[in-house]
Amino acid sequence: LPLWWPLLMQPICVIPFRNPLEVAASSIAHSVKLWENYISAALQTSFRLCCPTLLVSFERWINDGDVQFSELYQFLLREGVQGLPRSPPYAQLHRLVRPSEKHHNASPPKYSLPAAQNGSARSAARSALLASAACL
């Protein structure tokens, strides 16, 4: 991606995220570390670009899709994205997001990461947030 950075005029980032245990359960590698690597890379890229960033929760798409979609739509409008419809196309959302297709659920007690992984994820997030402060 850094090769393309000079060509980006006004980048914005939309970073989808999901419970790491659900991602691990649905991946071939069954690895939380893979999730951590992807999320860390996405956050670091958005902060290096110093661009507006929206984190989009998979769980909210499933449980409260209209609100999540509205927040995404408003974010895109606020950031000046051209070519958007006059209002969020909720009918399209309902065709694309089907809660019945969510196959892996982390139960609440299992939601937290093991201490070692949790610490490294927190460290990565803290580093990314500190980097974002430099963009202000």
C-alpha atoms as a PDB file:
ATOM      1  CA  LEU A   1       0.000   0.000   0.000  1.00  0.00           C
ATOM      2  CA  PRO A   2       2.750   2.593   0.691  1.00  0.00           C
ATOM      3  CA  LEU A   3       3.519   2.561  -3.059  1.00  0.00           C
ATOM      4  CA  TRP A   4       0.084   4.091  -3.722  1.00  0.00           C
ATOM      5  CA  TRP A   5       0.112   6.669  -0.903  1.00  0.00           C
ATOM      6  CA  PRO A   6       1.437   9.544  -3.053  1.00  0.00           C
ATOM      7  CA  LEU A   7      -1.552   9.083  -5.388  1.00  0.00           C
ATOM      8  CA  LEU A   8      -4.142   9.393  -2.631  1.00  0.00           C
ATOM      9  CA  MET A   9      -5.532  12.917  -2.524  1.00  0.00           C
ATOM     10  CA  GLN A  10      -7.925  12.751   0.439  1.00  0.00           C
ATOM     11  CA  PRO A  11      -7.927   9.213   1.787  1.00  0.00           C
ATOM     12  CA  ILE A  12     -10.359   7.954   4.373  1.00  0.00           C
ATOM     13  CA  CYS A  13     -10.234   4.586   6.094  1.00  0.00           C
ATOM     14  CA  VAL A  14     -13.100   2.322   7.056  1.00  0.00           C
ATOM     15  CA  ILE A  15     -11.797  -0.533   9.190  1.00  0.00           C
ATOM     16  CA  PRO A  16     -14.164  -3.427   9.819  1.00  0.00           C
ATOM     17  CA  PHE A  17     -13.513  -5.468  12.934  1.00  0.00           C
ATOM     18  CA  ARG A  18     -14.947  -8.528  14.589  1.00  0.00           C
ATOM     19  CA  ASN A  19     -14.486 -10.376  17.854  1.00  0.00           C
ATOM     20  CA  PRO A  20     -11.027 -11.992  17.519  1.00  0.00           C
ATOM     21  CA  LEU A  21     -12.235 -15.330  18.874  1.00  0.00           C
ATOM     22  CA  GLU A  22     -14.967 -15.476  16.234  1.00  0.00           C
ATOM     23  CA  VAL A  23     -12.431 -14.665  13.533  1.00  0.00           C
ATOM     24  CA  ALA A  24     -10.109 -17.383  14.813  1.00  0.00           C
ATOM     25  CA  ALA A  25     -12.951 -19.899  14.872  1.00  0.00           C
ATOM     26  CA  SER A  26     -13.874 -19.123  11.269  1.00  0.00           C
ATOM     27  CA  SER A  27     -10.338 -19.086   9.836  1.00  0.00           C
ATOM     28  CA  ILE A  28      -8.280 -22.016   8.640  1.00  0.00           C
ATOM     29  CA  ALA A  29      -5.407 -21.077  10.962  1.00  0.00           C
ATOM     30  CA  HIS A  30      -7.719 -20.653  14.003  1.00  0.00           C
ATOM     31  CA  SER A  31      -5.407 -17.890  15.125  1.00  0.00           C
ATOM     32  CA  VAL A  32      -6.127 -14.780  17.176  1.00  0.00           C
ATOM     33  CA  LYS A  33      -2.632 -13.618  16.243  1.00  0.00           C
ATOM     34  CA  LEU A  34      -3.707 -13.355  12.596  1.00  0.00           C
ATOM     35  CA  TRP A  35      -6.610 -11.107  13.636  1.00  0.00           C
ATOM     36  CA  GLU A  36      -4.243  -8.989  15.721  1.00  0.00           C
ATOM     37  CA  ASN A  37      -1.824  -8.614  12.798  1.00  0.00           C
ATOM     38  CA  TYR A  38      -4.563  -7.483  10.415  1.00  0.00           C
ATOM     39  CA  ILE A  39      -6.136  -5.030  12.844  1.00  0.00           C
ATOM     40  CA  SER A  40      -2.749  -3.594  13.851  1.00  0.00           C
ATOM     41  CA  ALA A  41      -1.743  -3.172  10.195  1.00  0.00           C
ATOM     42  CA  ALA A  42      -5.039  -1.458   9.339  1.00  0.00           C
ATOM     43  CA  LEU A  43      -4.788   0.938  12.295  1.00  0.00           C
ATOM     44  CA  GLN A  44      -1.136   1.736  11.631  1.00  0.00           C
ATOM     45  CA  THR A  45      -1.871   2.436   7.966  1.00  0.00           C
ATOM     46  CA  SER A  46      -4.746   4.770   8.742  1.00  0.00           C
ATOM     47  CA  PHE A  47      -2.635   6.669  11.251  1.00  0.00           C
ATOM     48  CA  ARG A  48       0.357   6.902   8.920  1.00  0.00           C
ATOM     49  CA  LEU A  49      -1.971   8.399   6.332  1.00  0.00           C
ATOM     50  CA  CYS A  50      -3.337  10.790   9.000  1.00  0.00           C
ATOM     51  CA  CYS A  51      -6.773  10.290   7.512  1.00  0.00           C
ATOM     52  CA  PRO A  52     -10.266  10.207   8.990  1.00  0.00           C
ATOM     53  CA  THR A  53     -10.961   6.659  10.161  1.00  0.00           C
ATOM     54  CA  LEU A  54     -14.135   4.840  11.111  1.00  0.00           C
ATOM     55  CA  LEU A  55     -14.077   1.511  12.928  1.00  0.00           C
ATOM     56  CA  VAL A  56     -17.038  -0.604  11.838  1.00  0.00           C
ATOM     57  CA  SER A  57     -18.189  -3.391  14.142  1.00  0.00           C
ATOM     58  CA  PHE A  58     -19.277  -6.674  12.571  1.00  0.00           C
ATOM     59  CA  GLU A  59     -21.425  -7.315  15.641  1.00  0.00           C
ATOM     60  CA  ARG A  60     -23.307  -4.053  15.096  1.00  0.00           C
ATOM     61  CA  TRP A  61     -23.869  -4.934  11.419  1.00  0.00           C
ATOM     62  CA  ILE A  62     -25.552  -8.126  12.605  1.00  0.00           C
ATOM     63  CA  ASN A  63     -27.485  -6.759  15.595  1.00  0.00           C
ATOM     64  CA  ASP A  64     -28.169  -3.139  14.638  1.00  0.00           C
ATOM     65  CA  GLY A  65     -27.369  -2.884  10.932  1.00  0.00           C
ATOM     66  CA  ASP A  66     -29.507   0.154  10.193  1.00  0.00           C
ATOM     67  CA  VAL A  67     -27.758   2.227  12.868  1.00  0.00           C
ATOM     68  CA  GLN A  68     -24.295   0.994  11.817  1.00  0.00           C
ATOM     69  CA  PHE A  69     -25.089   1.694   8.158  1.00  0.00           C
ATOM     70  CA  SER A  70     -26.378   5.162   8.998  1.00  0.00           C
ATOM     71  CA  GLU A  71     -23.180   5.948  10.930  1.00  0.00           C
ATOM     72  CA  LEU A  72     -21.063   4.770   7.994  1.00  0.00           C
ATOM     73  CA  TYR A  73     -23.148   6.809   5.564  1.00  0.00           C
ATOM     74  CA  GLN A  74     -22.908   9.950   7.743  1.00  0.00           C
ATOM     75  CA  PHE A  75     -19.139   9.460   8.094  1.00  0.00           C
ATOM     76  CA  LEU A  76     -18.753   9.239   4.305  1.00  0.00           C
ATOM     77  CA  LEU A  77     -20.922  12.354   3.811  1.00  0.00           C
ATOM     78  CA  ARG A  78     -19.002  14.291   6.481  1.00  0.00           C
ATOM     79  CA  GLU A  79     -15.713  13.402   4.802  1.00  0.00           C
ATOM     80  CA  GLY A  80     -16.950  14.617   1.404  1.00  0.00           C
ATOM     81  CA  VAL A  81     -17.206  11.307  -0.445  1.00  0.00           C
ATOM     82  CA  GLN A  82     -18.823  11.999  -3.809  1.00  0.00           C
ATOM     83  CA  GLY A  83     -21.447   9.909  -5.585  1.00  0.00           C
ATOM     84  CA  LEU A  84     -23.403   8.715  -2.546  1.00  0.00           C
ATOM     85  CA  PRO A  85     -27.171   8.263  -2.814  1.00  0.00           C
ATOM     86  CA  ARG A  86     -29.375  10.883  -1.122  1.00  0.00           C
ATOM     87  CA  SER A  87     -30.123   8.493   1.733  1.00  0.00           C
ATOM     88  CA  PRO A  88     -28.648   5.190   2.905  1.00  0.00           C
ATOM     89  CA  PRO A  89     -29.973   2.311   0.748  1.00  0.00           C
ATOM     90  CA  TYR A  90     -31.280   0.195   3.620  1.00  0.00           C
ATOM     91  CA  ALA A  91     -32.959  -2.335   1.291  1.00  0.00           C
ATOM     92  CA  GLN A  92     -29.539  -3.211  -0.168  1.00  0.00           C
ATOM     93  CA  LEU A  93     -28.103  -3.547   3.323  1.00  0.00           C
ATOM     94  CA  HIS A  94     -30.829  -6.005   4.288  1.00  0.00           C
ATOM     95  CA  ARG A  95     -30.052  -8.114   1.211  1.00  0.00           C
ATOM     96  CA  LEU A  96     -26.330  -8.182   2.004  1.00  0.00           C
ATOM     97  CA  VAL A  97     -26.244  -8.520   5.791  1.00  0.00           C
ATOM     98  CA  ARG A  98     -28.016 -11.638   6.986  1.00  0.00           C
ATOM     99  CA  PRO A  99     -27.657 -12.470  10.697  1.00  0.00           C
ATOM    100  CA  SER A 100     -28.391 -16.122   9.940  1.00  0.00           C
ATOM    101  CA  GLU A 101     -25.034 -16.348   8.145  1.00  0.00           C
ATOM    102  CA  LYS A 102     -23.046 -15.609  11.301  1.00  0.00           C
ATOM    103  CA  HIS A 103     -21.634 -19.029  12.126  1.00  0.00           C
ATOM    104  CA  HIS A 104     -19.343 -18.395  15.089  1.00  0.00           C
ATOM    105  CA  ASN A 105     -20.294 -16.694  18.325  1.00  0.00           C
ATOM    106  CA  ALA A 106     -17.977 -15.992  21.212  1.00  0.00           C
ATOM    107  CA  SER A 107     -19.800 -16.367  24.472  1.00  0.00           C
ATOM    108  CA  PRO A 108     -19.315 -13.405  26.847  1.00  0.00           C
ATOM    109  CA  PRO A 109     -16.895 -15.188  29.226  1.00  0.00           C
ATOM    110  CA  LYS A 110     -14.653 -16.160  26.295  1.00  0.00           C
ATOM    111  CA  TYR A 111     -14.632 -12.682  24.768  1.00  0.00           C
ATOM    112  CA  SER A 112     -11.461 -11.523  26.506  1.00  0.00           C
ATOM    113  CA  LEU A 113      -8.149 -12.559  25.052  1.00  0.00           C
ATOM    114  CA  PRO A 114      -5.547 -14.527  27.010  1.00  0.00           C
ATOM    115  CA  ALA A 115      -3.370 -12.142  29.014  1.00  0.00           C
ATOM    116  CA  ALA A 116      -0.318 -12.301  26.726  1.00  0.00           C
ATOM    117  CA  GLN A 117      -2.334 -11.666  23.576  1.00  0.00           C
ATOM    118  CA  ASN A 118      -4.525  -9.087  25.258  1.00  0.00           C
ATOM    119  CA  GLY A 119      -1.442  -7.144  26.330  1.00  0.00           C
ATOM    120  CA  SER A 120       0.072  -7.122  22.849  1.00  0.00           C
ATOM    121  CA  ALA A 121      -3.261  -6.109  21.298  1.00  0.00           C
ATOM    122  CA  ARG A 122      -3.569  -3.287  23.821  1.00  0.00           C
ATOM    123  CA  SER A 123       0.006  -2.256  23.114  1.00  0.00           C
ATOM    124  CA  ALA A 124      -0.647  -2.152  19.364  1.00  0.00           C
ATOM    125  CA  ALA A 125      -3.842  -0.139  19.864  1.00  0.00           C
ATOM    126  CA  ARG A 126      -2.097   2.251  22.271  1.00  0.00           C
ATOM    127  CA  SER A 127       0.738   2.792  19.754  1.00  0.00           C
ATOM    128  CA  ALA A 128      -1.740   3.433  16.968  1.00  0.00           C
ATOM    129  CA  LEU A 129      -3.683   5.928  19.086  1.00  0.00           C
ATOM    130  CA  LEU A 130      -0.518   7.772  20.054  1.00  0.00           C
ATOM    131  CA  ALA A 131       0.453   7.931  16.387  1.00  0.00           C
ATOM    132  CA  SER A 132      -2.961   9.387  15.558  1.00  0.00           C
ATOM    133  CA  ALA A 133      -2.364  12.227  18.010  1.00  0.00           C
ATOM    134  CA  ALA A 134       0.536  13.321  15.809  1.00  0.00           C
ATOM    135  CA  CYS A 135      -1.934  13.796  12.939  1.00  0.00           C
ATOM    136  CA  LEU A 136      -4.002  16.380  14.829  1.00  0.00           C
END
